[in-house]
Amino acid sequence: VFQGRLNLTEDGAAFLDLGGTSVLFDVPG
């Protein structure tokens, strides 16, 4: 379980900010 502040990128990806650590995710559509 990752809980963080979501940041969306222009190329369709997203990353969660977990208090200074970023975890990258893909977002389909």
PDB file of all heavy atoms in Angstrom:
ATOM      1  N   VAL A   1       0.849  -1.189   0.000  1.00  0.00           N
ATOM      2  CA  VAL A   1       0.000   0.000   0.000  1.00  0.00           C
ATOM      3  C   VAL A   1       0.889   1.245   0.000  1.00  0.00           C
ATOM      4  O   VAL A   1       1.637   1.494   0.939  1.00  0.00           O
ATOM      5  CB  VAL A   1      -0.934   0.020   1.223  1.00  0.00           C
ATOM      6  CG1 VAL A   1      -1.850   1.237   1.172  1.00  0.00           C
ATOM      7  CG2 VAL A   1      -1.743  -1.278   1.309  1.00  0.00           C
ATOM      8  N   PHE A   2       0.800   2.002  -1.093  1.00  0.00           N
ATOM      9  CA  PHE A   2       1.486   3.280  -1.221  1.00  0.00           C
ATOM     10  C   PHE A   2       0.461   4.376  -0.993  1.00  0.00           C
ATOM     11  O   PHE A   2      -0.596   4.369  -1.625  1.00  0.00           O
ATOM     12  CB  PHE A   2       2.059   3.461  -2.634  1.00  0.00           C
ATOM     13  CG  PHE A   2       3.127   2.485  -3.006  1.00  0.00           C
ATOM     14  CD1 PHE A   2       2.807   1.291  -3.640  1.00  0.00           C
ATOM     15  CD2 PHE A   2       4.454   2.762  -2.752  1.00  0.00           C
ATOM     16  CE1 PHE A   2       3.798   0.400  -4.018  1.00  0.00           C
ATOM     17  CE2 PHE A   2       5.452   1.874  -3.120  1.00  0.00           C
ATOM     18  CZ  PHE A   2       5.130   0.690  -3.751  1.00  0.00           C
ATOM     19  N   GLN A   3       0.762   5.307  -0.132  1.00  0.00           N
ATOM     20  CA  GLN A   3      -0.128   6.445   0.071  1.00  0.00           C
ATOM     21  C   GLN A   3       0.710   7.706  -0.039  1.00  0.00           C
ATOM     22  O   GLN A   3       1.706   7.868   0.663  1.00  0.00           O
ATOM     23  CB  GLN A   3      -0.808   6.370   1.433  1.00  0.00           C
ATOM     24  CG  GLN A   3      -1.818   7.482   1.641  1.00  0.00           C
ATOM     25  CD  GLN A   3      -2.622   7.282   2.908  1.00  0.00           C
ATOM     26  OE1 GLN A   3      -3.220   6.231   3.095  1.00  0.00           O
ATOM     27  NE2 GLN A   3      -2.631   8.272   3.761  1.00  0.00           N
ATOM     28  N   GLY A   4       0.333   8.577  -0.965  1.00  0.00           N
ATOM     29  CA  GLY A   4       1.100   9.801  -1.175  1.00  0.00           C
ATOM     30  C   GLY A   4       0.322  10.811  -1.983  1.00  0.00           C
ATOM     31  O   GLY A   4      -0.816  10.589  -2.362  1.00  0.00           O
ATOM     32  N   ARG A   5       1.006  11.914  -2.259  1.00  0.00           N
ATOM     33  CA  ARG A   5       0.404  12.980  -3.067  1.00  0.00           C
ATOM     34  C   ARG A   5       0.670  12.673  -4.537  1.00  0.00           C
ATOM     35  O   ARG A   5       1.812  12.492  -4.940  1.00  0.00           O
ATOM     36  CB  ARG A   5       0.979  14.338  -2.690  1.00  0.00           C
ATOM     37  CG  ARG A   5       0.246  15.487  -3.361  1.00  0.00           C
ATOM     38  CD  ARG A   5       0.785  16.834  -2.932  1.00  0.00           C
ATOM     39  NE  ARG A   5       0.610  17.100  -1.529  1.00  0.00           N
ATOM     40  CZ  ARG A   5      -0.487  17.623  -0.968  1.00  0.00           C
ATOM     41  NH1 ARG A   5      -1.538  17.888  -1.724  1.00  0.00           N
ATOM     42  NH2 ARG A   5      -0.541  17.856   0.321  1.00  0.00           N
ATOM     43  N   LEU A   6      -0.400  12.608  -5.320  1.00  0.00           N
ATOM     44  CA  LEU A   6      -0.317  12.245  -6.735  1.00  0.00           C
ATOM     45  C   LEU A   6       0.139  13.433  -7.574  1.00  0.00           C
ATOM     46  O   LEU A   6      -0.353  14.548  -7.400  1.00  0.00           O
ATOM     47  CB  LEU A   6      -1.687  11.771  -7.228  1.00  0.00           C
ATOM     48  CG  LEU A   6      -1.767  11.357  -8.688  1.00  0.00           C
ATOM     49  CD1 LEU A   6      -0.933  10.108  -8.944  1.00  0.00           C
ATOM     50  CD2 LEU A   6      -3.210  11.134  -9.091  1.00  0.00           C
ATOM     51  N   ASN A   7       1.059  13.179  -8.480  1.00  0.00           N
ATOM     52  CA  ASN A   7       1.514  14.168  -9.450  1.00  0.00           C
ATOM     53  C   ASN A   7       1.434  13.542 -10.826  1.00  0.00           C
ATOM     54  O   ASN A   7       2.042  12.493 -11.068  1.00  0.00           O
ATOM     55  CB  ASN A   7       2.963  14.581  -9.158  1.00  0.00           C
ATOM     56  CG  ASN A   7       3.078  15.296  -7.843  1.00  0.00           C
ATOM     57  OD1 ASN A   7       2.802  16.478  -7.758  1.00  0.00           O
ATOM     58  ND2 ASN A   7       3.469  14.573  -6.810  1.00  0.00           N
ATOM     59  N   LEU A   8       0.674  14.171 -11.723  1.00  0.00           N
ATOM     60  CA  LEU A   8       0.514  13.658 -13.081  1.00  0.00           C
ATOM     61  C   LEU A   8       1.497  14.345 -14.013  1.00  0.00           C
ATOM     62  O   LEU A   8       1.752  15.539 -13.880  1.00  0.00           O
ATOM     63  CB  LEU A   8      -0.912  13.886 -13.569  1.00  0.00           C
ATOM     64  CG  LEU A   8      -2.013  13.241 -12.717  1.00  0.00           C
ATOM     65  CD1 LEU A   8      -3.385  13.629 -13.246  1.00  0.00           C
ATOM     66  CD2 LEU A   8      -1.844  11.739 -12.679  1.00  0.00           C
ATOM     67  N   THR A   9       2.049  13.572 -14.963  1.00  0.00           N
ATOM     68  CA  THR A   9       2.978  14.130 -15.936  1.00  0.00           C
ATOM     69  C   THR A   9       2.265  14.297 -17.276  1.00  0.00           C
ATOM     70  O   THR A   9       1.220  13.685 -17.513  1.00  0.00           O
ATOM     71  CB  THR A   9       4.210  13.218 -16.114  1.00  0.00           C
ATOM     72  OG1 THR A   9       3.785  11.978 -16.687  1.00  0.00           O
ATOM     73  CG2 THR A   9       4.895  12.956 -14.777  1.00  0.00           C
ATOM     74  N   GLU A  10       2.838  15.105 -18.154  1.00  0.00           N
ATOM     75  CA  GLU A  10       2.221  15.365 -19.458  1.00  0.00           C
ATOM     76  C   GLU A  10       2.229  14.145 -20.371  1.00  0.00           C
ATOM     77  O   GLU A  10       1.431  14.060 -21.290  1.00  0.00           O
ATOM     78  CB  GLU A  10       2.927  16.531 -20.141  1.00  0.00           C
ATOM     79  CG  GLU A  10       2.684  17.857 -19.462  1.00  0.00           C
ATOM     80  CD  GLU A  10       3.377  19.006 -20.167  1.00  0.00           C
ATOM     81  OE1 GLU A  10       3.845  18.820 -21.304  1.00  0.00           O
ATOM     82  OE2 GLU A  10       3.440  20.088 -19.571  1.00  0.00           O
ATOM     83  N   ASP A  11       3.127  13.191 -20.113  1.00  0.00           N
ATOM     84  CA  ASP A  11       3.232  12.022 -20.988  1.00  0.00           C
ATOM     85  C   ASP A  11       2.394  10.834 -20.516  1.00  0.00           C
ATOM     86  O   ASP A  11       2.578   9.715 -20.974  1.00  0.00           O
ATOM     87  CB  ASP A  11       4.685  11.604 -21.173  1.00  0.00           C
ATOM     88  CG  ASP A  11       5.373  11.218 -19.874  1.00  0.00           C
ATOM     89  OD1 ASP A  11       4.753  11.377 -18.796  1.00  0.00           O
ATOM     90  OD2 ASP A  11       6.519  10.761 -19.921  1.00  0.00           O
ATOM     91  N   GLY A  12       1.469  11.046 -19.592  1.00  0.00           N
ATOM     92  CA  GLY A  12       0.543   9.996 -19.187  1.00  0.00           C
ATOM     93  C   GLY A  12       0.994   9.144 -18.020  1.00  0.00           C
ATOM     94  O   GLY A  12       0.354   8.156 -17.694  1.00  0.00           O
ATOM     95  N   ALA A  13       2.085   9.508 -17.401  1.00  0.00           N
ATOM     96  CA  ALA A  13       2.548   8.777 -16.219  1.00  0.00           C
ATOM     97  C   ALA A  13       2.134   9.546 -14.968  1.00  0.00           C
ATOM     98  O   ALA A  13       1.587  10.636 -15.045  1.00  0.00           O
ATOM     99  CB  ALA A  13       4.065   8.602 -16.262  1.00  0.00           C
ATOM    100  N   ALA A  14       2.402   8.937 -13.854  1.00  0.00           N
ATOM    101  CA  ALA A  14       2.087   9.576 -12.583  1.00  0.00           C
ATOM    102  C   ALA A  14       3.144   9.160 -11.579  1.00  0.00           C
ATOM    103  O   ALA A  14       3.751   8.097 -11.709  1.00  0.00           O
ATOM    104  CB  ALA A  14       0.710   9.137 -12.101  1.00  0.00           C
ATOM    105  N   PHE A  15       3.371  10.011 -10.598  1.00  0.00           N
ATOM    106  CA  PHE A  15       4.215   9.570  -9.501  1.00  0.00           C
ATOM    107  C   PHE A  15       3.594  10.008  -8.197  1.00  0.00           C
ATOM    108  O   PHE A  15       2.884  11.007  -8.111  1.00  0.00           O
ATOM    109  CB  PHE A  15       5.672  10.044  -9.650  1.00  0.00           C
ATOM    110  CG  PHE A  15       5.892  11.522  -9.532  1.00  0.00           C
ATOM    111  CD1 PHE A  15       6.167  12.106  -8.304  1.00  0.00           C
ATOM    112  CD2 PHE A  15       5.851  12.328 -10.652  1.00  0.00           C
ATOM    113  CE1 PHE A  15       6.389  13.467  -8.198  1.00  0.00           C
ATOM    114  CE2 PHE A  15       6.074  13.694 -10.561  1.00  0.00           C
ATOM    115  CZ  PHE A  15       6.347  14.261  -9.325  1.00  0.00           C
ATOM    116  N   LEU A  16       3.836   9.190  -7.188  1.00  0.00           N
ATOM    117  CA  LEU A  16       3.384   9.494  -5.839  1.00  0.00           C
ATOM    118  C   LEU A  16       4.556  10.047  -5.063  1.00  0.00           C
ATOM    119  O   LEU A  16       5.643   9.464  -5.072  1.00  0.00           O
ATOM    120  CB  LEU A  16       2.882   8.231  -5.129  1.00  0.00           C
ATOM    121  CG  LEU A  16       1.508   7.727  -5.461  1.00  0.00           C
ATOM    122  CD1 LEU A  16       1.174   6.515  -4.599  1.00  0.00           C
ATOM    123  CD2 LEU A  16       0.467   8.795  -5.261  1.00  0.00           C
ATOM    124  N   ASP A  17       4.328  11.150  -4.390  1.00  0.00           N
ATOM    125  CA  ASP A  17       5.320  11.705  -3.485  1.00  0.00           C
ATOM    126  C   ASP A  17       5.027  11.131  -2.107  1.00  0.00           C
ATOM    127  O   ASP A  17       3.997  11.408  -1.509  1.00  0.00           O
ATOM    128  CB  ASP A  17       5.234  13.220  -3.467  1.00  0.00           C
ATOM    129  CG  ASP A  17       6.249  13.870  -2.547  1.00  0.00           C
ATOM    130  OD1 ASP A  17       6.937  13.158  -1.785  1.00  0.00           O
ATOM    131  OD2 ASP A  17       6.351  15.102  -2.585  1.00  0.00           O
ATOM    132  N   LEU A  18       5.934  10.289  -1.623  1.00  0.00           N
ATOM    133  CA  LEU A  18       5.784   9.652  -0.317  1.00  0.00           C
ATOM    134  C   LEU A  18       6.673  10.360   0.693  1.00  0.00           C
ATOM    135  O   LEU A  18       7.584   9.779   1.257  1.00  0.00           O
ATOM    136  CB  LEU A  18       6.165   8.169  -0.389  1.00  0.00           C
ATOM    137  CG  LEU A  18       5.380   7.311  -1.353  1.00  0.00           C
ATOM    138  CD1 LEU A  18       5.996   5.940  -1.487  1.00  0.00           C
ATOM    139  CD2 LEU A  18       3.944   7.205  -0.908  1.00  0.00           C
ATOM    140  N   GLY A  19       6.449  11.652   0.885  1.00  0.00           N
ATOM    141  CA  GLY A  19       7.241  12.394   1.851  1.00  0.00           C
ATOM    142  C   GLY A  19       8.672  12.607   1.405  1.00  0.00           C
ATOM    143  O   GLY A  19       9.595  12.480   2.199  1.00  0.00           O
ATOM    144  N   GLY A  20       8.881  12.914   0.128  1.00  0.00           N
ATOM    145  CA  GLY A  20      10.217  13.165  -0.392  1.00  0.00           C
ATOM    146  C   GLY A  20      10.763  12.049  -1.260  1.00  0.00           C
ATOM    147  O   GLY A  20      11.773  12.210  -1.919  1.00  0.00           O
ATOM    148  N   THR A  21      10.114  10.902  -1.277  1.00  0.00           N
ATOM    149  CA  THR A  21      10.486   9.792  -2.146  1.00  0.00           C
ATOM    150  C   THR A  21       9.417   9.666  -3.221  1.00  0.00           C
ATOM    151  O   THR A  21       8.228   9.636  -2.914  1.00  0.00           O
ATOM    152  CB  THR A  21      10.582   8.475  -1.352  1.00  0.00           C
ATOM    153  OG1 THR A  21      11.613   8.597  -0.387  1.00  0.00           O
ATOM    154  CG2 THR A  21      10.863   7.299  -2.263  1.00  0.00           C
ATOM    155  N   SER A  22       9.838   9.593  -4.476  1.00  0.00           N
ATOM    156  CA  SER A  22       8.888   9.490  -5.582  1.00  0.00           C
ATOM    157  C   SER A  22       8.840   8.063  -6.100  1.00  0.00           C
ATOM    158  O   SER A  22       9.875   7.429  -6.286  1.00  0.00           O
ATOM    159  CB  SER A  22       9.289  10.423  -6.724  1.00  0.00           C
ATOM    160  OG  SER A  22       9.207  11.762  -6.314  1.00  0.00           O
ATOM    161  N   VAL A  23       7.624   7.585  -6.348  1.00  0.00           N
ATOM    162  CA  VAL A  23       7.409   6.262  -6.936  1.00  0.00           C
ATOM    163  C   VAL A  23       6.605   6.471  -8.212  1.00  0.00           C
ATOM    164  O   VAL A  23       5.504   7.023  -8.180  1.00  0.00           O
ATOM    165  CB  VAL A  23       6.668   5.315  -5.962  1.00  0.00           C
ATOM    166  CG1 VAL A  23       6.442   3.961  -6.605  1.00  0.00           C
ATOM    167  CG2 VAL A  23       7.438   5.172  -4.656  1.00  0.00           C
ATOM    168  N   LEU A  24       7.171   6.022  -9.340  1.00  0.00           N
ATOM    169  CA  LEU A  24       6.564   6.215 -10.654  1.00  0.00           C
ATOM    170  C   LEU A  24       5.543   5.119 -10.953  1.00  0.00           C
ATOM    171  O   LEU A  24       5.777   3.950 -10.672  1.00  0.00           O
ATOM    172  CB  LEU A  24       7.659   6.207 -11.724  1.00  0.00           C
ATOM    173  CG  LEU A  24       7.256   6.498 -13.157  1.00  0.00           C
ATOM    174  CD1 LEU A  24       6.728   7.923 -13.294  1.00  0.00           C
ATOM    175  CD2 LEU A  24       8.449   6.304 -14.083  1.00  0.00           C
ATOM    176  N   PHE A  25       4.418   5.520 -11.541  1.00  0.00           N
ATOM    177  CA  PHE A  25       3.353   4.602 -11.958  1.00  0.00           C
ATOM    178  C   PHE A  25       2.922   4.952 -13.371  1.00  0.00           C
ATOM    179  O   PHE A  25       3.001   6.105 -13.781  1.00  0.00           O
ATOM    180  CB  PHE A  25       2.109   4.740 -11.057  1.00  0.00           C
ATOM    181  CG  PHE A  25       2.265   4.199  -9.675  1.00  0.00           C
ATOM    182  CD1 PHE A  25       2.768   4.998  -8.661  1.00  0.00           C
ATOM    183  CD2 PHE A  25       1.889   2.908  -9.375  1.00  0.00           C
ATOM    184  CE1 PHE A  25       2.900   4.511  -7.371  1.00  0.00           C
ATOM    185  CE2 PHE A  25       2.019   2.411  -8.090  1.00  0.00           C
ATOM    186  CZ  PHE A  25       2.526   3.215  -7.088  1.00  0.00           C
ATOM    187  N   ASP A  26       2.402   3.964 -14.102  1.00  0.00           N
ATOM    188  CA  ASP A  26       1.747   4.222 -15.379  1.00  0.00           C
ATOM    189  C   ASP A  26       0.255   4.358 -15.132  1.00  0.00           C
ATOM    190  O   ASP A  26      -0.296   3.736 -14.218  1.00  0.00           O
ATOM    191  CB  ASP A  26       1.992   3.072 -16.365  1.00  0.00           C
ATOM    192  CG  ASP A  26       3.425   3.047 -16.870  1.00  0.00           C
ATOM    193  OD1 ASP A  26       4.012   4.131 -17.042  1.00  0.00           O
ATOM    194  OD2 ASP A  26       3.954   1.948 -17.093  1.00  0.00           O
ATOM    195  N   VAL A  27      -0.394   5.179 -15.965  1.00  0.00           N
ATOM    196  CA  VAL A  27      -1.843   5.376 -15.874  1.00  0.00           C
ATOM    197  C   VAL A  27      -2.421   5.087 -17.253  1.00  0.00           C
ATOM    198  O   VAL A  27      -2.152   5.823 -18.199  1.00  0.00           O
ATOM    199  CB  VAL A  27      -2.191   6.821 -15.445  1.00  0.00           C
ATOM    200  CG1 VAL A  27      -3.695   6.997 -15.359  1.00  0.00           C
ATOM    201  CG2 VAL A  27      -1.527   7.180 -14.129  1.00  0.00           C
ATOM    202  N   PRO A  28      -3.186   3.995 -17.394  1.00  0.00           N
ATOM    203  CA  PRO A  28      -3.737   3.658 -18.708  1.00  0.00           C
ATOM    204  C   PRO A  28      -4.907   4.570 -19.084  1.00  0.00           C
ATOM    205  O   PRO A  28      -5.958   4.549 -18.450  1.00  0.00           O
ATOM    206  CB  PRO A  28      -4.207   2.210 -18.536  1.00  0.00           C
ATOM    207  CG  PRO A  28      -4.533   2.100 -17.078  1.00  0.00           C
ATOM    208  CD  PRO A  28      -3.576   3.038 -16.377  1.00  0.00           C
ATOM    209  N   GLY A  29      -4.717   5.389 -20.095  1.00  0.00           N
ATOM    210  CA  GLY A  29      -5.789   6.254 -20.581  1.00  0.00           C
ATOM    211  C   GLY A  29      -6.247   7.265 -19.546  1.00  0.00           C
ATOM    212  O   GLY A  29      -5.589   7.500 -18.555  1.00  0.00           O
TER     213      GLY A  29
END
